[in-house]
Amino acid sequence: MLGLGVAVATLFPSQKSSSATIATATKSRPDLALETSYLFDNPRPLAPFSMQDQLGNTFTNEQLLGKWSLVFVGFTSCPDVCPTTLNKLNAAYPELQAVSDNIQVVFVSVDPARDSQTKRLDYINFFNRDFKAVTADHAQLFPFTRDLGFAYAMVGDGEDYQVDHSASYVLVSPQGEKFAVFKPKVQPGKIPQILNKELVADLKQIIESA
């Protein structure tokens, strides 16, 4: 679910820092013809964080080392963007692995109250058992998502609330550094999407030039 507006400002009073983070991404490398992604000008390590994956294992900065990680946020009750994203990433996964055999896909649930370990396990296994489904309490999630340039906000009251959230992917390098962002293209009447063909082509260029 998208439509980040006033509610985001409530949860992210320092949202300017998040916007500035995205603004530092650029396509300025003359040797790269990127279609849907932007390189960060100054890749830097993520701040320390601690979450749990769908198997109950601790997931920290250490689990990002030695791998290229595609990270995105969402929630298991998401009606549109999350299942679409996971279906597309599952379809692209063989091609992503052909680009790099040490790539991992990390789904970060920003709905820890409802997305229990069991629920995340069942949800991610429906799409791809190799993918990670991690979460933490909001005290961990807020700084982690801001560090990556994501935003999210709870919308509505009661048990049936929704979560507005970013639809981009962030690429984290094997050194645990925020390296690039893949942004969906908005088309009238359609869910914003990152096309798999462009994702794979851009990822190949980025990794080969790193």
N, C-alpha and C. Protein backbone atom coordinates (compact mmCIF):
# COMPACT_ATOMS: atom_id res chain seq x y z
N MET A 1 0.85 -1.19 0.00
CA MET A 1 0.00 0.00 0.00
C MET A 1 0.88 1.24 0.00
N LEU A 2 0.53 2.20 -0.88
CA LEU A 2 1.34 3.40 -1.01
C LEU A 2 0.52 4.63 -0.65
N GLY A 3 1.11 5.80 -0.86
CA GLY A 3 0.42 7.03 -0.59
C GLY A 3 0.99 7.71 0.64
N LEU A 4 2.29 7.71 0.77
CA LEU A 4 2.93 8.29 1.95
C LEU A 4 2.67 9.79 2.01
N GLY A 5 2.05 10.22 3.09
CA GLY A 5 1.71 11.63 3.20
C GLY A 5 1.87 12.13 4.60
N VAL A 6 0.78 12.68 5.15
CA VAL A 6 0.85 13.32 6.45
C VAL A 6 1.26 12.34 7.53
N ALA A 7 0.79 11.09 7.44
CA ALA A 7 1.10 10.11 8.48
C ALA A 7 2.59 9.86 8.58
N VAL A 8 3.28 9.93 7.47
CA VAL A 8 4.73 9.71 7.49
C VAL A 8 5.42 10.79 8.30
N ALA A 9 4.98 12.01 8.13
CA ALA A 9 5.59 13.10 8.88
C ALA A 9 5.42 12.89 10.38
N THR A 10 4.34 12.23 10.77
CA THR A 10 4.12 11.96 12.18
C THR A 10 5.14 10.98 12.71
N LEU A 11 5.40 9.93 11.94
CA LEU A 11 6.34 8.91 12.39
C LEU A 11 7.78 9.30 12.12
N PHE A 12 7.98 10.14 11.14
CA PHE A 12 9.33 10.52 10.74
C PHE A 12 9.49 12.03 10.82
N PRO A 13 9.60 12.59 12.01
CA PRO A 13 9.75 14.04 12.11
C PRO A 13 11.01 14.55 11.45
N SER A 14 12.02 13.68 11.29
CA SER A 14 13.26 14.10 10.64
C SER A 14 13.34 13.53 9.24
N GLN A 15 12.18 13.50 8.56
CA GLN A 15 12.13 12.91 7.23
C GLN A 15 13.06 13.59 6.25
N LYS A 16 13.47 14.84 6.53
CA LYS A 16 14.39 15.52 5.61
C LYS A 16 15.66 14.71 5.44
N SER A 17 16.10 14.05 6.48
CA SER A 17 17.33 13.27 6.37
C SER A 17 17.14 12.10 5.44
N SER A 18 15.92 11.49 5.47
CA SER A 18 15.65 10.38 4.57
C SER A 18 15.62 10.85 3.13
N SER A 19 14.96 11.99 2.89
CA SER A 19 14.90 12.52 1.55
C SER A 19 16.28 12.88 1.05
N ALA A 20 17.09 13.43 1.92
CA ALA A 20 18.44 13.80 1.52
C ALA A 20 19.25 12.58 1.14
N THR A 21 18.99 11.47 1.83
CA THR A 21 19.70 10.23 1.52
C THR A 21 19.42 9.80 0.10
N ILE A 22 18.12 9.81 -0.27
CA ILE A 22 17.77 9.43 -1.63
C ILE A 22 18.38 10.42 -2.63
N ALA A 23 18.42 11.69 -2.24
CA ALA A 23 18.92 12.71 -3.16
C ALA A 23 20.39 12.51 -3.48
N THR A 24 21.12 11.80 -2.63
CA THR A 24 22.54 11.61 -2.90
C THR A 24 22.78 10.49 -3.90
N ALA A 25 21.72 9.82 -4.33
CA ALA A 25 21.88 8.78 -5.35
C ALA A 25 21.91 9.44 -6.72
N THR A 26 22.73 8.91 -7.60
CA THR A 26 22.92 9.56 -8.89
C THR A 26 23.17 8.53 -9.99
N LYS A 27 22.84 8.91 -11.22
CA LYS A 27 23.16 8.09 -12.38
C LYS A 27 24.40 8.65 -13.09
N SER A 28 25.21 9.41 -12.38
CA SER A 28 26.25 10.21 -13.03
C SER A 28 27.40 9.40 -13.60
N ARG A 29 27.53 8.11 -13.27
CA ARG A 29 28.62 7.32 -13.83
C ARG A 29 28.46 7.26 -15.35
N PRO A 30 29.37 7.82 -16.13
CA PRO A 30 29.19 7.89 -17.58
C PRO A 30 29.26 6.52 -18.25
N ASP A 31 29.88 5.54 -17.58
CA ASP A 31 30.04 4.23 -18.19
C ASP A 31 28.85 3.31 -17.94
N LEU A 32 27.88 3.77 -17.17
CA LEU A 32 26.71 2.96 -16.85
C LEU A 32 25.46 3.56 -17.47
N ALA A 33 24.68 2.72 -18.12
CA ALA A 33 23.41 3.16 -18.72
C ALA A 33 22.28 2.55 -17.89
N LEU A 34 22.02 3.11 -16.73
CA LEU A 34 21.06 2.56 -15.79
C LEU A 34 19.64 3.02 -16.13
N GLU A 35 18.69 2.08 -16.05
CA GLU A 35 17.31 2.36 -16.42
C GLU A 35 16.43 2.68 -15.22
N THR A 36 16.63 1.98 -14.11
CA THR A 36 15.70 2.10 -12.99
C THR A 36 16.41 2.30 -11.66
N SER A 37 17.73 2.42 -11.69
CA SER A 37 18.49 2.50 -10.44
C SER A 37 19.40 3.72 -10.40
N TYR A 38 19.82 4.03 -9.19
CA TYR A 38 20.69 5.17 -8.94
C TYR A 38 21.78 4.74 -7.97
N LEU A 39 23.00 5.09 -8.25
CA LEU A 39 24.11 4.78 -7.35
C LEU A 39 24.21 5.86 -6.27
N PHE A 40 24.51 5.45 -5.06
CA PHE A 40 24.77 6.44 -4.02
C PHE A 40 26.18 7.00 -4.21
N ASP A 41 26.30 8.30 -4.07
CA ASP A 41 27.59 8.96 -4.30
C ASP A 41 28.66 8.46 -3.33
N ASN A 42 28.26 8.25 -2.10
CA ASN A 42 29.23 7.85 -1.07
C ASN A 42 28.71 6.62 -0.32
N PRO A 43 28.94 5.42 -0.86
CA PRO A 43 28.51 4.22 -0.14
C PRO A 43 29.08 4.21 1.27
N ARG A 44 28.23 3.89 2.24
CA ARG A 44 28.69 3.88 3.63
C ARG A 44 28.03 2.72 4.37
N PRO A 45 28.69 2.19 5.38
CA PRO A 45 28.12 1.07 6.14
C PRO A 45 26.82 1.48 6.83
N LEU A 46 25.92 0.53 6.94
CA LEU A 46 24.69 0.78 7.68
C LEU A 46 24.99 0.86 9.17
N ALA A 47 24.22 1.65 9.87
CA ALA A 47 24.35 1.72 11.32
C ALA A 47 24.00 0.35 11.92
N PRO A 48 24.56 0.00 13.07
CA PRO A 48 24.27 -1.30 13.68
C PRO A 48 22.77 -1.51 13.90
N PHE A 49 22.31 -2.71 13.61
CA PHE A 49 20.90 -3.07 13.80
C PHE A 49 20.81 -4.53 14.21
N SER A 50 19.68 -4.93 14.75
CA SER A 50 19.45 -6.32 15.12
C SER A 50 17.99 -6.66 14.91
N MET A 51 17.73 -7.68 14.08
CA MET A 51 16.37 -8.14 13.80
C MET A 51 16.36 -9.67 13.88
N GLN A 52 15.20 -10.25 13.60
CA GLN A 52 15.07 -11.70 13.54
C GLN A 52 14.51 -12.11 12.20
N ASP A 53 15.03 -13.22 11.64
CA ASP A 53 14.50 -13.70 10.37
C ASP A 53 13.33 -14.65 10.62
N GLN A 54 12.82 -15.25 9.54
CA GLN A 54 11.61 -16.08 9.64
C GLN A 54 11.86 -17.40 10.35
N LEU A 55 13.12 -17.75 10.58
CA LEU A 55 13.46 -18.98 11.30
C LEU A 55 13.80 -18.70 12.77
N GLY A 56 13.72 -17.43 13.15
CA GLY A 56 14.04 -17.07 14.51
C GLY A 56 15.51 -16.76 14.74
N ASN A 57 16.29 -16.76 13.66
CA ASN A 57 17.71 -16.46 13.77
C ASN A 57 17.95 -14.95 13.80
N THR A 58 18.97 -14.54 14.53
CA THR A 58 19.32 -13.13 14.57
C THR A 58 19.83 -12.67 13.20
N PHE A 59 19.38 -11.50 12.78
CA PHE A 59 19.79 -10.92 11.50
C PHE A 59 20.35 -9.53 11.79
N THR A 60 21.66 -9.37 11.62
CA THR A 60 22.35 -8.12 11.91
C THR A 60 23.19 -7.70 10.71
N ASN A 61 23.98 -6.68 10.89
CA ASN A 61 24.90 -6.23 9.83
C ASN A 61 25.77 -7.37 9.34
N GLU A 62 26.09 -8.29 10.22
CA GLU A 62 26.97 -9.40 9.86
C GLU A 62 26.37 -10.26 8.76
N GLN A 63 25.05 -10.40 8.75
CA GLN A 63 24.39 -11.23 7.72
C GLN A 63 24.37 -10.55 6.35
N LEU A 64 24.78 -9.30 6.29
CA LEU A 64 24.88 -8.61 5.00
C LEU A 64 26.26 -8.73 4.39
N LEU A 65 27.24 -9.11 5.18
CA LEU A 65 28.61 -9.16 4.70
C LEU A 65 28.83 -10.34 3.77
N GLY A 66 29.60 -10.11 2.71
CA GLY A 66 29.92 -11.17 1.76
C GLY A 66 28.83 -11.46 0.75
N LYS A 67 27.75 -10.65 0.75
CA LYS A 67 26.63 -10.86 -0.18
C LYS A 67 26.18 -9.53 -0.74
N TRP A 68 25.63 -9.58 -1.94
CA TRP A 68 24.86 -8.46 -2.45
C TRP A 68 23.43 -8.67 -1.97
N SER A 69 22.86 -7.68 -1.32
CA SER A 69 21.52 -7.83 -0.73
C SER A 69 20.56 -6.84 -1.34
N LEU A 70 19.42 -7.35 -1.85
CA LEU A 70 18.32 -6.51 -2.29
C LEU A 70 17.33 -6.42 -1.14
N VAL A 71 17.16 -5.23 -0.59
CA VAL A 71 16.36 -5.04 0.61
C VAL A 71 15.14 -4.17 0.26
N PHE A 72 13.97 -4.57 0.76
CA PHE A 72 12.77 -3.76 0.58
C PHE A 72 11.87 -3.94 1.79
N VAL A 73 10.94 -3.01 1.98
CA VAL A 73 10.06 -3.05 3.14
C VAL A 73 8.63 -3.33 2.73
N GLY A 74 7.86 -3.88 3.68
CA GLY A 74 6.46 -4.16 3.43
C GLY A 74 5.82 -4.82 4.64
N PHE A 75 4.72 -5.54 4.39
CA PHE A 75 4.04 -6.26 5.47
C PHE A 75 3.21 -7.37 4.86
N THR A 76 2.98 -8.44 5.62
CA THR A 76 2.38 -9.64 5.04
C THR A 76 0.91 -9.45 4.67
N SER A 77 0.24 -8.46 5.27
CA SER A 77 -1.17 -8.20 4.94
C SER A 77 -1.31 -7.22 3.78
N CYS A 78 -0.22 -6.82 3.19
CA CYS A 78 -0.23 -5.87 2.07
C CYS A 78 -1.07 -6.43 0.92
N PRO A 79 -2.02 -5.66 0.41
CA PRO A 79 -2.92 -6.20 -0.62
C PRO A 79 -2.37 -6.17 -2.04
N ASP A 80 -1.31 -5.41 -2.29
CA ASP A 80 -0.92 -5.23 -3.69
C ASP A 80 0.60 -5.18 -3.90
N VAL A 81 1.26 -4.18 -3.37
CA VAL A 81 2.66 -3.95 -3.71
C VAL A 81 3.55 -5.12 -3.28
N CYS A 82 3.38 -5.60 -2.05
CA CYS A 82 4.28 -6.65 -1.54
C CYS A 82 4.16 -7.98 -2.29
N PRO A 83 2.94 -8.51 -2.47
CA PRO A 83 2.87 -9.76 -3.23
C PRO A 83 3.33 -9.60 -4.68
N THR A 84 3.05 -8.44 -5.27
CA THR A 84 3.53 -8.20 -6.63
C THR A 84 5.05 -8.18 -6.66
N THR A 85 5.65 -7.48 -5.70
CA THR A 85 7.11 -7.39 -5.64
C THR A 85 7.74 -8.77 -5.44
N LEU A 86 7.20 -9.55 -4.51
CA LEU A 86 7.78 -10.86 -4.23
C LEU A 86 7.59 -11.82 -5.39
N ASN A 87 6.46 -11.76 -6.06
CA ASN A 87 6.27 -12.59 -7.25
C ASN A 87 7.28 -12.23 -8.33
N LYS A 88 7.50 -10.94 -8.53
CA LYS A 88 8.44 -10.51 -9.56
C LYS A 88 9.87 -10.89 -9.19
N LEU A 89 10.24 -10.72 -7.92
CA LEU A 89 11.60 -11.08 -7.52
C LEU A 89 11.82 -12.59 -7.58
N ASN A 90 10.79 -13.36 -7.28
CA ASN A 90 10.92 -14.82 -7.42
C ASN A 90 11.13 -15.19 -8.88
N ALA A 91 10.40 -14.55 -9.79
CA ALA A 91 10.55 -14.83 -11.22
C ALA A 91 11.94 -14.41 -11.71
N ALA A 92 12.47 -13.33 -11.15
CA ALA A 92 13.78 -12.83 -11.58
C ALA A 92 14.94 -13.52 -10.88
N TYR A 93 14.67 -14.28 -9.83
CA TYR A 93 15.73 -14.80 -8.98
C TYR A 93 16.78 -15.62 -9.74
N PRO A 94 16.40 -16.52 -10.65
CA PRO A 94 17.44 -17.25 -11.40
C PRO A 94 18.37 -16.32 -12.17
N GLU A 95 17.82 -15.27 -12.75
CA GLU A 95 18.66 -14.32 -13.48
C GLU A 95 19.53 -13.50 -12.52
N LEU A 96 18.98 -13.17 -11.36
CA LEU A 96 19.77 -12.44 -10.36
C LEU A 96 20.94 -13.29 -9.88
N GLN A 97 20.68 -14.59 -9.70
CA GLN A 97 21.75 -15.50 -9.27
C GLN A 97 22.79 -15.67 -10.37
N ALA A 98 22.37 -15.57 -11.63
CA ALA A 98 23.33 -15.66 -12.73
C ALA A 98 24.24 -14.44 -12.74
N VAL A 99 23.73 -13.29 -12.31
CA VAL A 99 24.55 -12.09 -12.21
C VAL A 99 25.54 -12.23 -11.06
N SER A 100 25.07 -12.74 -9.93
CA SER A 100 25.93 -12.92 -8.76
C SER A 100 25.42 -14.11 -7.95
N ASP A 101 26.30 -15.09 -7.69
CA ASP A 101 25.87 -16.26 -6.95
C ASP A 101 25.82 -16.00 -5.44
N ASN A 102 26.14 -14.78 -5.03
CA ASN A 102 26.06 -14.46 -3.60
C ASN A 102 25.07 -13.34 -3.36
N ILE A 103 23.91 -13.41 -4.02
CA ILE A 103 22.88 -12.40 -3.84
C ILE A 103 21.80 -12.94 -2.90
N GLN A 104 21.26 -12.06 -2.06
CA GLN A 104 20.15 -12.44 -1.20
C GLN A 104 19.06 -11.38 -1.28
N VAL A 105 17.82 -11.82 -1.12
CA VAL A 105 16.65 -10.95 -1.13
C VAL A 105 16.13 -10.86 0.30
N VAL A 106 15.99 -9.64 0.80
CA VAL A 106 15.60 -9.43 2.19
C VAL A 106 14.32 -8.60 2.25
N PHE A 107 13.24 -9.24 2.69
CA PHE A 107 11.95 -8.57 2.90
C PHE A 107 11.89 -8.14 4.36
N VAL A 108 11.77 -6.84 4.61
CA VAL A 108 11.73 -6.31 5.97
C VAL A 108 10.28 -5.97 6.31
N SER A 109 9.68 -6.72 7.21
CA SER A 109 8.32 -6.40 7.63
C SER A 109 8.35 -5.21 8.57
N VAL A 110 7.54 -4.20 8.25
CA VAL A 110 7.42 -3.03 9.11
C VAL A 110 6.11 -3.07 9.90
N ASP A 111 5.60 -4.29 10.06
CA ASP A 111 4.37 -4.53 10.83
C ASP A 111 4.63 -5.62 11.87
N PRO A 112 5.55 -5.37 12.82
CA PRO A 112 5.94 -6.43 13.75
C PRO A 112 4.82 -6.91 14.65
N ALA A 113 3.82 -6.07 14.91
CA ALA A 113 2.73 -6.48 15.79
C ALA A 113 1.94 -7.65 15.21
N ARG A 114 1.79 -7.68 13.90
CA ARG A 114 1.00 -8.75 13.27
C ARG A 114 1.86 -9.79 12.58
N ASP A 115 3.07 -9.42 12.18
CA ASP A 115 3.90 -10.33 11.39
C ASP A 115 4.83 -11.14 12.31
N SER A 116 4.26 -12.15 12.92
CA SER A 116 5.01 -13.03 13.80
C SER A 116 6.02 -13.86 13.00
N GLN A 117 6.88 -14.55 13.71
CA GLN A 117 7.85 -15.42 13.02
C GLN A 117 7.14 -16.45 12.16
N THR A 118 6.12 -17.10 12.69
CA THR A 118 5.38 -18.12 11.94
C THR A 118 4.71 -17.53 10.71
N LYS A 119 4.12 -16.35 10.88
CA LYS A 119 3.43 -15.73 9.75
C LYS A 119 4.41 -15.34 8.66
N ARG A 120 5.56 -14.81 9.06
CA ARG A 120 6.58 -14.44 8.07
C ARG A 120 7.15 -15.67 7.37
N LEU A 121 7.31 -16.76 8.12
CA LEU A 121 7.82 -17.99 7.53
C LEU A 121 6.86 -18.52 6.47
N ASP A 122 5.59 -18.61 6.81
CA ASP A 122 4.59 -19.11 5.85
C ASP A 122 4.50 -18.18 4.64
N TYR A 123 4.56 -16.89 4.89
CA TYR A 123 4.41 -15.90 3.82
C TYR A 123 5.57 -15.97 2.84
N ILE A 124 6.79 -15.93 3.35
CA ILE A 124 7.94 -15.90 2.45
C ILE A 124 8.13 -17.23 1.74
N ASN A 125 7.79 -18.34 2.41
CA ASN A 125 7.91 -19.66 1.77
C ASN A 125 6.96 -19.81 0.59
N PHE A 126 5.86 -19.09 0.62
CA PHE A 126 4.91 -19.14 -0.51
C PHE A 126 5.57 -18.61 -1.78
N PHE A 127 6.50 -17.65 -1.62
CA PHE A 127 7.15 -17.03 -2.77
C PHE A 127 8.50 -17.68 -3.08
N ASN A 128 9.37 -17.75 -2.08
CA ASN A 128 10.69 -18.33 -2.31
C ASN A 128 11.34 -18.63 -0.97
N ARG A 129 11.70 -19.88 -0.74
CA ARG A 129 12.27 -20.28 0.55
C ARG A 129 13.68 -19.74 0.77
N ASP A 130 14.32 -19.27 -0.29
CA ASP A 130 15.66 -18.69 -0.15
C ASP A 130 15.63 -17.25 0.36
N PHE A 131 14.48 -16.60 0.24
CA PHE A 131 14.39 -15.19 0.63
C PHE A 131 14.36 -15.08 2.16
N LYS A 132 14.82 -13.95 2.65
CA LYS A 132 14.77 -13.64 4.07
C LYS A 132 13.54 -12.78 4.36
N ALA A 133 12.91 -13.01 5.52
CA ALA A 133 11.79 -12.19 5.97
C ALA A 133 12.09 -11.79 7.41
N VAL A 134 12.53 -10.56 7.60
CA VAL A 134 13.03 -10.13 8.90
C VAL A 134 12.15 -9.03 9.47
N THR A 135 12.22 -8.86 10.78
CA THR A 135 11.54 -7.75 11.43
C THR A 135 12.15 -7.51 12.80
N ALA A 136 11.68 -6.45 13.44
CA ALA A 136 12.11 -6.09 14.79
C ALA A 136 11.04 -5.16 15.34
N ASP A 137 11.22 -4.70 16.56
CA ASP A 137 10.27 -3.71 17.06
C ASP A 137 10.56 -2.36 16.39
N HIS A 138 9.64 -1.43 16.56
CA HIS A 138 9.77 -0.16 15.84
C HIS A 138 11.00 0.63 16.28
N ALA A 139 11.46 0.41 17.48
CA ALA A 139 12.66 1.10 17.95
C ALA A 139 13.87 0.73 17.10
N GLN A 140 13.87 -0.48 16.55
CA GLN A 140 14.93 -0.91 15.63
C GLN A 140 14.57 -0.55 14.19
N LEU A 141 13.30 -0.72 13.83
CA LEU A 141 12.89 -0.53 12.44
C LEU A 141 12.98 0.92 11.98
N PHE A 142 12.60 1.87 12.84
CA PHE A 142 12.62 3.27 12.42
C PHE A 142 14.00 3.71 11.97
N PRO A 143 15.04 3.55 12.80
CA PRO A 143 16.37 4.00 12.34
C PRO A 143 16.90 3.18 11.17
N PHE A 144 16.59 1.87 11.14
CA PHE A 144 17.07 1.03 10.04
C PHE A 144 16.47 1.49 8.71
N THR A 145 15.15 1.71 8.69
CA THR A 145 14.51 2.12 7.44
C THR A 145 14.95 3.51 7.03
N ARG A 146 15.11 4.41 7.99
CA ARG A 146 15.59 5.75 7.65
C ARG A 146 17.00 5.69 7.08
N ASP A 147 17.82 4.81 7.64
CA ASP A 147 19.21 4.68 7.18
C ASP A 147 19.24 4.27 5.71
N LEU A 148 18.27 3.46 5.29
CA LEU A 148 18.22 3.01 3.90
C LEU A 148 17.42 3.95 3.00
N GLY A 149 16.79 4.97 3.60
CA GLY A 149 16.01 5.90 2.79
C GLY A 149 14.57 5.49 2.60
N PHE A 150 14.10 4.47 3.34
CA PHE A 150 12.71 4.04 3.27
C PHE A 150 11.86 4.85 4.25
N ALA A 151 10.54 4.80 4.04
CA ALA A 151 9.60 5.38 4.99
C ALA A 151 8.39 4.45 5.09
N TYR A 152 7.75 4.47 6.25
CA TYR A 152 6.50 3.72 6.42
C TYR A 152 5.66 4.39 7.49
N ALA A 153 4.36 4.12 7.46
CA ALA A 153 3.44 4.69 8.44
C ALA A 153 2.19 3.85 8.53
N MET A 154 1.70 3.64 9.77
CA MET A 154 0.45 2.93 9.99
C MET A 154 -0.72 3.87 9.67
N VAL A 155 -1.72 3.33 8.98
CA VAL A 155 -2.87 4.13 8.55
C VAL A 155 -4.15 3.42 8.98
N GLY A 156 -5.00 4.12 9.70
CA GLY A 156 -6.26 3.54 10.14
C GLY A 156 -6.21 3.10 11.58
N ASP A 157 -7.37 2.70 12.10
CA ASP A 157 -7.50 2.29 13.48
C ASP A 157 -7.95 0.84 13.57
N GLY A 158 -7.76 0.25 14.75
CA GLY A 158 -8.21 -1.12 14.97
C GLY A 158 -7.28 -2.14 14.34
N GLU A 159 -7.73 -3.38 14.31
CA GLU A 159 -6.89 -4.48 13.85
C GLU A 159 -6.69 -4.49 12.34
N ASP A 160 -7.53 -3.78 11.61
CA ASP A 160 -7.46 -3.82 10.14
C ASP A 160 -6.70 -2.63 9.55
N TYR A 161 -5.80 -2.04 10.34
CA TYR A 161 -5.02 -0.91 9.82
C TYR A 161 -4.16 -1.37 8.64
N GLN A 162 -3.79 -0.43 7.82
CA GLN A 162 -2.88 -0.69 6.70
C GLN A 162 -1.54 -0.01 6.99
N VAL A 163 -0.57 -0.27 6.15
CA VAL A 163 0.74 0.34 6.31
C VAL A 163 1.17 0.94 4.97
N ASP A 164 1.32 2.24 4.95
CA ASP A 164 1.91 2.89 3.77
C ASP A 164 3.42 2.72 3.85
N HIS A 165 4.03 2.39 2.71
CA HIS A 165 5.48 2.15 2.75
C HIS A 165 6.11 2.39 1.38
N SER A 166 7.40 2.62 1.40
CA SER A 166 8.16 2.79 0.17
C SER A 166 8.12 1.52 -0.67
N ALA A 167 8.25 1.69 -1.98
CA ALA A 167 8.21 0.54 -2.89
C ALA A 167 9.53 0.32 -3.60
N SER A 168 10.58 1.02 -3.18
CA SER A 168 11.90 0.86 -3.80
C SER A 168 12.63 -0.34 -3.22
N TYR A 169 13.70 -0.75 -3.91
CA TYR A 169 14.66 -1.71 -3.36
C TYR A 169 15.97 -0.94 -3.13
N VAL A 170 16.67 -1.32 -2.08
CA VAL A 170 18.01 -0.79 -1.87
C VAL A 170 19.01 -1.93 -1.98
N LEU A 171 20.07 -1.70 -2.73
CA LEU A 171 21.13 -2.69 -2.89
C LEU A 171 22.23 -2.41 -1.88
N VAL A 172 22.52 -3.41 -1.04
CA VAL A 172 23.59 -3.31 -0.06
C VAL A 172 24.75 -4.16 -0.55
N SER A 173 25.95 -3.63 -0.49
CA SER A 173 27.13 -4.30 -1.03
C SER A 173 27.62 -5.39 -0.09
N PRO A 174 28.54 -6.25 -0.55
CA PRO A 174 29.12 -7.28 0.32
C PRO A 174 29.93 -6.70 1.49
N GLN A 175 30.20 -5.42 1.45
CA GLN A 175 30.87 -4.75 2.57
C GLN A 175 29.86 -4.17 3.56
N GLY A 176 28.57 -4.45 3.32
CA GLY A 176 27.53 -3.94 4.21
C GLY A 176 27.25 -2.47 4.02
N GLU A 177 27.52 -1.95 2.80
CA GLU A 177 27.32 -0.54 2.51
C GLU A 177 26.10 -0.32 1.63
N LYS A 178 25.38 0.73 1.90
CA LYS A 178 24.27 1.13 1.04
C LYS A 178 24.86 1.58 -0.30
N PHE A 179 24.51 0.89 -1.38
CA PHE A 179 25.23 1.07 -2.63
C PHE A 179 24.39 1.68 -3.75
N ALA A 180 23.13 1.26 -3.88
CA ALA A 180 22.28 1.76 -4.96
C ALA A 180 20.82 1.62 -4.56
N VAL A 181 19.95 2.35 -5.24
CA VAL A 181 18.52 2.24 -5.02
C VAL A 181 17.84 1.99 -6.36
N PHE A 182 16.87 1.07 -6.36
CA PHE A 182 16.05 0.77 -7.54
C PHE A 182 14.66 1.35 -7.27
N LYS A 183 14.22 2.23 -8.16
CA LYS A 183 12.96 2.94 -7.91
C LYS A 183 11.91 2.53 -8.94
N PRO A 184 10.67 2.29 -8.48
CA PRO A 184 9.61 1.88 -9.41
C PRO A 184 9.20 3.03 -10.32
N LYS A 185 8.73 2.65 -11.49
CA LYS A 185 8.21 3.64 -12.43
C LYS A 185 6.70 3.68 -12.31
N VAL A 186 6.17 4.87 -12.18
CA VAL A 186 4.73 5.05 -12.00
C VAL A 186 4.05 5.10 -13.36
N GLN A 187 3.01 4.25 -13.50
CA GLN A 187 2.21 4.24 -14.71
C GLN A 187 0.75 4.45 -14.32
N PRO A 188 0.04 5.32 -15.01
CA PRO A 188 -1.35 5.62 -14.64
C PRO A 188 -2.20 4.35 -14.55
N GLY A 189 -2.90 4.21 -13.43
CA GLY A 189 -3.81 3.09 -13.26
C GLY A 189 -3.16 1.77 -12.90
N LYS A 190 -1.83 1.77 -12.71
CA LYS A 190 -1.13 0.53 -12.39
C LYS A 190 -0.32 0.70 -11.12
N ILE A 191 -0.05 -0.43 -10.46
CA ILE A 191 0.82 -0.42 -9.29
C ILE A 191 2.22 -0.06 -9.75
N PRO A 192 2.89 0.87 -9.07
CA PRO A 192 4.29 1.19 -9.44
C PRO A 192 5.15 -0.07 -9.39
N GLN A 193 5.94 -0.30 -10.43
CA GLN A 193 6.72 -1.52 -10.51
C GLN A 193 8.15 -1.24 -10.99
N ILE A 194 9.04 -2.09 -10.54
CA ILE A 194 10.40 -2.14 -11.08
C ILE A 194 10.42 -3.31 -12.05
N LEU A 195 10.63 -3.05 -13.31
CA LEU A 195 10.59 -4.10 -14.32
C LEU A 195 11.78 -5.03 -14.15
N ASN A 196 11.51 -6.34 -14.19
CA ASN A 196 12.58 -7.32 -13.98
C ASN A 196 13.71 -7.18 -14.99
N LYS A 197 13.36 -6.92 -16.23
CA LYS A 197 14.38 -6.79 -17.26
C LYS A 197 15.34 -5.66 -16.92
N GLU A 198 14.81 -4.53 -16.46
CA GLU A 198 15.64 -3.40 -16.10
C GLU A 198 16.40 -3.66 -14.81
N LEU A 199 15.75 -4.33 -13.86
CA LEU A 199 16.42 -4.69 -12.60
C LEU A 199 17.66 -5.53 -12.86
N VAL A 200 17.51 -6.58 -13.65
CA VAL A 200 18.62 -7.50 -13.91
C VAL A 200 19.73 -6.79 -14.69
N ALA A 201 19.35 -6.02 -15.71
CA ALA A 201 20.35 -5.32 -16.52
C ALA A 201 21.13 -4.31 -15.68
N ASP A 202 20.42 -3.55 -14.85
CA ASP A 202 21.09 -2.56 -14.00
C ASP A 202 21.98 -3.24 -12.97
N LEU A 203 21.47 -4.30 -12.35
CA LEU A 203 22.26 -5.00 -11.33
C LEU A 203 23.55 -5.54 -11.92
N LYS A 204 23.47 -6.08 -13.12
CA LYS A 204 24.66 -6.61 -13.78
C LYS A 204 25.71 -5.52 -13.98
N GLN A 205 25.27 -4.37 -14.47
CA GLN A 205 26.22 -3.26 -14.67
C GLN A 205 26.83 -2.79 -13.36
N ILE A 206 25.99 -2.68 -12.32
CA ILE A 206 26.46 -2.17 -11.03
C ILE A 206 27.49 -3.09 -10.43
N ILE A 207 27.18 -4.40 -10.43
CA ILE A 207 28.09 -5.36 -9.79
C ILE A 207 29.39 -5.48 -10.58
N GLU A 208 29.27 -5.52 -11.90
CA GLU A 208 30.48 -5.65 -12.72
C GLU A 208 31.38 -4.42 -12.61
N SER A 209 30.81 -3.28 -12.30
CA SER A 209 31.61 -2.06 -12.23
C SER A 209 32.10 -1.77 -10.80
N ALA A 210 31.62 -2.54 -9.84
CA ALA A 210 31.97 -2.27 -8.43
C ALA A 210 33.43 -2.58 -8.15
